[in-house]
Protein backbone atom coordinates (compact mmCIF):
# COMPACT_ATOMS: atom_id res chain seq x y z
CA MET A 1 -13.57 32.64 -18.61
CA GLU A 2 -10.64 32.05 -16.41
CA SER A 3 -7.41 33.36 -17.87
CA SER A 4 -4.17 32.24 -16.69
CA LEU A 5 -1.01 30.39 -17.65
CA LEU A 6 -2.12 27.65 -15.95
CA VAL A 7 -5.45 27.37 -18.03
CA VAL A 8 -3.57 28.22 -21.20
CA GLU A 9 -0.94 25.81 -20.85
CA ALA A 10 -1.68 23.00 -18.20
CA PRO A 11 -5.88 22.71 -18.70
CA ALA A 12 -5.60 19.19 -17.14
CA LEU A 13 -3.50 20.13 -14.33
CA ARG A 14 -6.40 22.73 -13.54
CA GLY A 15 -9.06 20.22 -14.15
CA ALA A 16 -7.16 18.04 -11.60
CA VAL A 17 -7.05 20.76 -9.13
CA GLU A 18 -10.61 21.90 -9.29
CA LYS A 19 -11.62 17.96 -9.11
CA LEU A 20 -9.39 17.34 -5.87
CA PHE A 21 -9.47 20.62 -4.26
CA GLY A 22 -12.29 22.77 -5.58
CA LYS A 23 -12.55 25.92 -7.40
CA PRO A 24 -11.02 28.22 -4.87
CA ALA A 25 -7.86 25.96 -5.06
CA ILE A 26 -7.19 26.86 -8.90
CA SER A 27 -6.44 30.60 -8.10
CA ILE A 28 -4.16 29.68 -5.71
CA VAL A 29 -2.21 26.84 -7.83
CA ALA A 30 -2.23 29.35 -10.84
CA THR A 31 -0.82 31.90 -9.01
CA ASP A 32 2.00 29.39 -7.67
CA TYR A 33 2.24 28.11 -11.70
CA GLU A 34 2.66 31.70 -12.91
CA ARG A 35 5.55 32.62 -10.39
CA VAL A 36 7.28 29.39 -10.56
CA ALA A 37 7.27 29.40 -14.36
CA ALA A 38 8.42 33.22 -14.51
CA LEU A 39 11.38 31.72 -12.32
CA GLY A 40 12.42 28.87 -14.49
CA GLY A 41 10.13 26.17 -13.27
CA ASN A 42 9.57 24.93 -16.81
CA VAL A 43 13.15 25.38 -17.98
CA GLU A 44 14.59 22.07 -19.03
CA GLU A 45 18.51 22.45 -19.64
CA GLY A 46 19.71 20.25 -22.08
CA LEU A 47 16.39 18.88 -23.36
CA VAL A 48 16.08 19.14 -27.16
CA ARG A 49 12.60 19.16 -28.73
CA GLU A 50 11.57 19.25 -32.18
CA GLN A 51 10.53 22.71 -33.33
CA GLY A 52 6.86 23.47 -33.54
CA VAL A 53 5.81 20.04 -31.45
CA ARG A 54 3.24 20.89 -28.54
CA PHE A 55 4.24 19.59 -25.41
CA ASN A 56 3.12 19.67 -21.60
CA PRO A 57 4.96 21.81 -19.44
CA ARG A 58 7.40 20.39 -16.80
CA ILE A 59 5.57 22.03 -13.89
CA ALA A 60 2.15 20.44 -15.20
CA ARG A 61 3.80 17.06 -15.98
CA VAL A 62 5.52 16.78 -12.49
CA SER A 63 2.41 18.18 -10.58
CA LEU A 64 -0.06 15.62 -12.61
CA LEU A 65 2.43 12.64 -11.77
CA ALA A 66 2.61 13.76 -8.01
CA LEU A 67 -1.17 13.76 -8.10
CA GLU A 68 -2.17 10.70 -10.35
CA GLU A 69 0.88 8.48 -9.62
CA GLY A 70 1.81 9.68 -6.19
CA ARG A 71 -1.84 9.84 -4.96
CA LEU A 72 -1.06 13.36 -3.27
CA ARG A 73 -4.14 14.59 -1.84
CA GLU A 74 -3.36 17.74 0.17
CA LEU A 75 -3.21 21.25 -1.63
CA SER A 76 -0.13 22.20 0.24
CA THR A 77 1.87 19.40 -0.72
CA LEU A 78 0.60 20.10 -4.50
CA ARG A 79 1.85 23.72 -4.09
CA ALA A 80 5.33 22.16 -2.69
CA VAL A 81 5.21 19.90 -5.93
CA VAL A 82 4.96 23.17 -8.02
CA TRP A 83 7.60 25.08 -6.33
CA SER A 84 9.88 21.91 -6.42
CA THR A 85 10.25 21.90 -10.27
CA LEU A 86 12.62 25.25 -9.39
CA ARG A 87 16.39 24.16 -9.60
CA ASP A 88 17.48 27.46 -7.90
CA VAL A 89 16.91 27.13 -4.03
CA GLY A 90 17.59 30.92 -3.62
CA ALA A 91 14.28 31.48 -5.95
CA LEU A 92 12.33 30.06 -2.90
CA GLU A 93 12.43 33.44 -1.33
CA GLU A 94 9.52 34.13 -3.60
CA LEU A 95 7.36 31.65 -1.91
CA PRO A 96 5.83 33.25 1.13
CA ASP A 97 4.27 30.03 3.07
CA ALA A 98 7.10 29.04 5.44
CA ASP A 99 5.92 25.46 5.93
CA ILE A 100 5.83 24.89 2.25
CA ARG A 101 8.96 26.47 1.42
CA ARG A 102 10.88 24.24 4.31
CA MET A 103 9.20 21.18 2.51
CA VAL A 104 10.67 22.81 -0.93
CA ALA A 105 13.96 22.90 0.33
CA CYS A 106 14.09 19.38 1.85
CA VAL A 107 12.75 18.05 -1.55
CA LEU A 108 15.78 19.57 -3.47
CA SER A 109 18.54 18.80 -0.60
CA ASP A 110 20.36 15.63 -0.73
CA GLU A 111 19.16 14.51 2.45
CA ALA A 112 18.53 10.92 2.12
CA ARG A 113 15.88 10.51 5.23
CA VAL A 114 12.69 12.27 4.37
CA GLU A 115 8.82 11.99 5.07
CA GLU A 116 6.66 10.21 2.44
CA PRO A 117 5.49 13.49 0.77
CA VAL A 118 8.81 14.69 0.00
CA SER A 119 9.73 11.15 -1.30
CA THR A 120 7.03 11.24 -3.29
CA ILE A 121 7.72 14.63 -5.02
CA ARG A 122 11.01 13.63 -5.44
CA ALA A 123 10.00 10.26 -7.28
CA ALA A 124 7.58 12.52 -9.60
CA ILE A 125 10.33 14.77 -10.79
CA ALA A 126 12.73 11.77 -10.75
CA LEU A 127 10.24 9.89 -13.46
CA ASP A 128 9.38 12.65 -15.19
CA THR A 129 13.48 13.49 -15.88
CA VAL A 130 13.90 9.75 -16.62
CA ARG A 131 10.84 9.71 -19.36
CA HIS A 132 12.82 12.66 -21.19
CA LEU A 133 16.22 11.46 -20.64
CA HIS A 134 16.56 10.28 -24.41
CA MET A 135 15.76 13.79 -25.58
CA THR A 136 18.72 15.55 -23.80
CA VAL A 137 22.25 16.19 -25.05
CA LEU A 138 24.09 14.34 -22.13
CA ASP A 139 26.21 11.53 -23.38
CA ARG A 140 25.23 8.17 -22.96
CA ALA A 141 27.73 7.79 -19.69
CA ASP A 142 25.87 10.61 -18.02
CA LYS A 143 22.42 9.60 -18.78
CA LEU A 144 23.64 5.90 -17.12
CA SER A 145 25.11 7.87 -14.42
CA TYR A 146 21.95 9.69 -13.48
CA ILE A 147 19.85 6.73 -13.33
CA ARG A 148 22.29 4.98 -11.47
CA SER A 149 22.82 7.32 -9.00
CA ARG A 150 22.61 7.21 -5.24
CA SER A 151 19.62 9.27 -5.07
CA MET A 152 17.89 7.25 -7.68
CA SER A 153 18.52 4.22 -5.62
CA ASP A 154 17.47 5.89 -2.49
CA LEU A 155 14.25 6.29 -4.14
CA LEU A 156 14.08 2.71 -5.60
CA ARG A 157 15.14 0.79 -2.69
CA ASP A 158 13.10 -1.45 -0.47
CA GLY A 159 11.19 0.38 2.37
CA SER A 160 11.26 3.76 0.50
CA LEU A 161 8.49 6.12 1.45
CA ILE A 162 6.90 6.24 -2.46
CA PRO A 163 3.74 4.83 -3.40
CA SER A 164 3.74 1.60 -5.07
CA ASN A 165 2.08 2.81 -8.43
CA LEU A 166 4.85 5.56 -8.61
CA LYS A 167 7.80 3.50 -7.68
CA VAL A 168 6.71 0.64 -10.17
CA LYS A 169 6.62 3.17 -13.03
CA LEU A 170 9.83 4.92 -11.99
CA GLN A 171 11.39 1.47 -11.93
CA TYR A 172 10.23 0.37 -15.26
CA ALA A 173 11.42 3.72 -16.55
CA VAL A 174 14.58 3.38 -15.22
CA MET A 175 15.00 -0.29 -16.42
CA MET A 176 13.72 0.79 -20.07
CA GLN A 177 16.28 3.80 -20.11
CA GLU A 178 19.08 1.28 -18.91
CA ARG A 179 18.48 -1.51 -21.40
CA MET A 180 18.34 1.32 -24.30
CA LEU A 181 21.60 2.52 -23.04
CA THR A 182 23.38 -0.62 -22.62
CA SER A 183 22.00 -2.15 -25.70
CA SER A 184 23.29 0.91 -27.78
CA ALA A 185 26.93 0.56 -26.16
CA GLN A 186 27.19 -2.76 -27.48
CA GLY A 187 27.40 -1.43 -30.77
CA ASP A 188 29.25 1.84 -30.17
CA PRO A 189 32.85 1.11 -31.43
CA ASP A 190 33.93 3.95 -28.98
CA ASP A 191 33.27 1.83 -25.77
């Protein structure tokens, strides 16, 4: 029986990796998962969870969104997804593969014109963030600022290179958050 953080924390991701890339890929992704988790890839700053409630770790959630909704089908791109959950670009020094490191650096940059895999990874990260926005300590104005940001607009604009299924889910999540945030503002006497 395999024993790794991937198997323990993210069995659904492990299964998806095996199905799409075969058994040899499991150890590669498991190694990346463990390194990125140790470097803070699963840290969700400002997110408040109910104590004792189980949840799918951030690396696994974003990776599954990229595979299932973004239809990523290259192992190197999945590895870039895992590493893109880091917020610290300096931590990329731990990544031995230069091509993947360049892709992750592009994902984490604010460069507007990017290739499809980079846009897909950004959209998967954004979708995960938007879906969990209600659980953060951010105030309403900061939440609205995030969903109305230039980077979010770039992801949702016509002609963006995001697979349609992922784009539709992101548009829906943004719309629902905006609706919830603006409707709560109408009852807020401080506004």
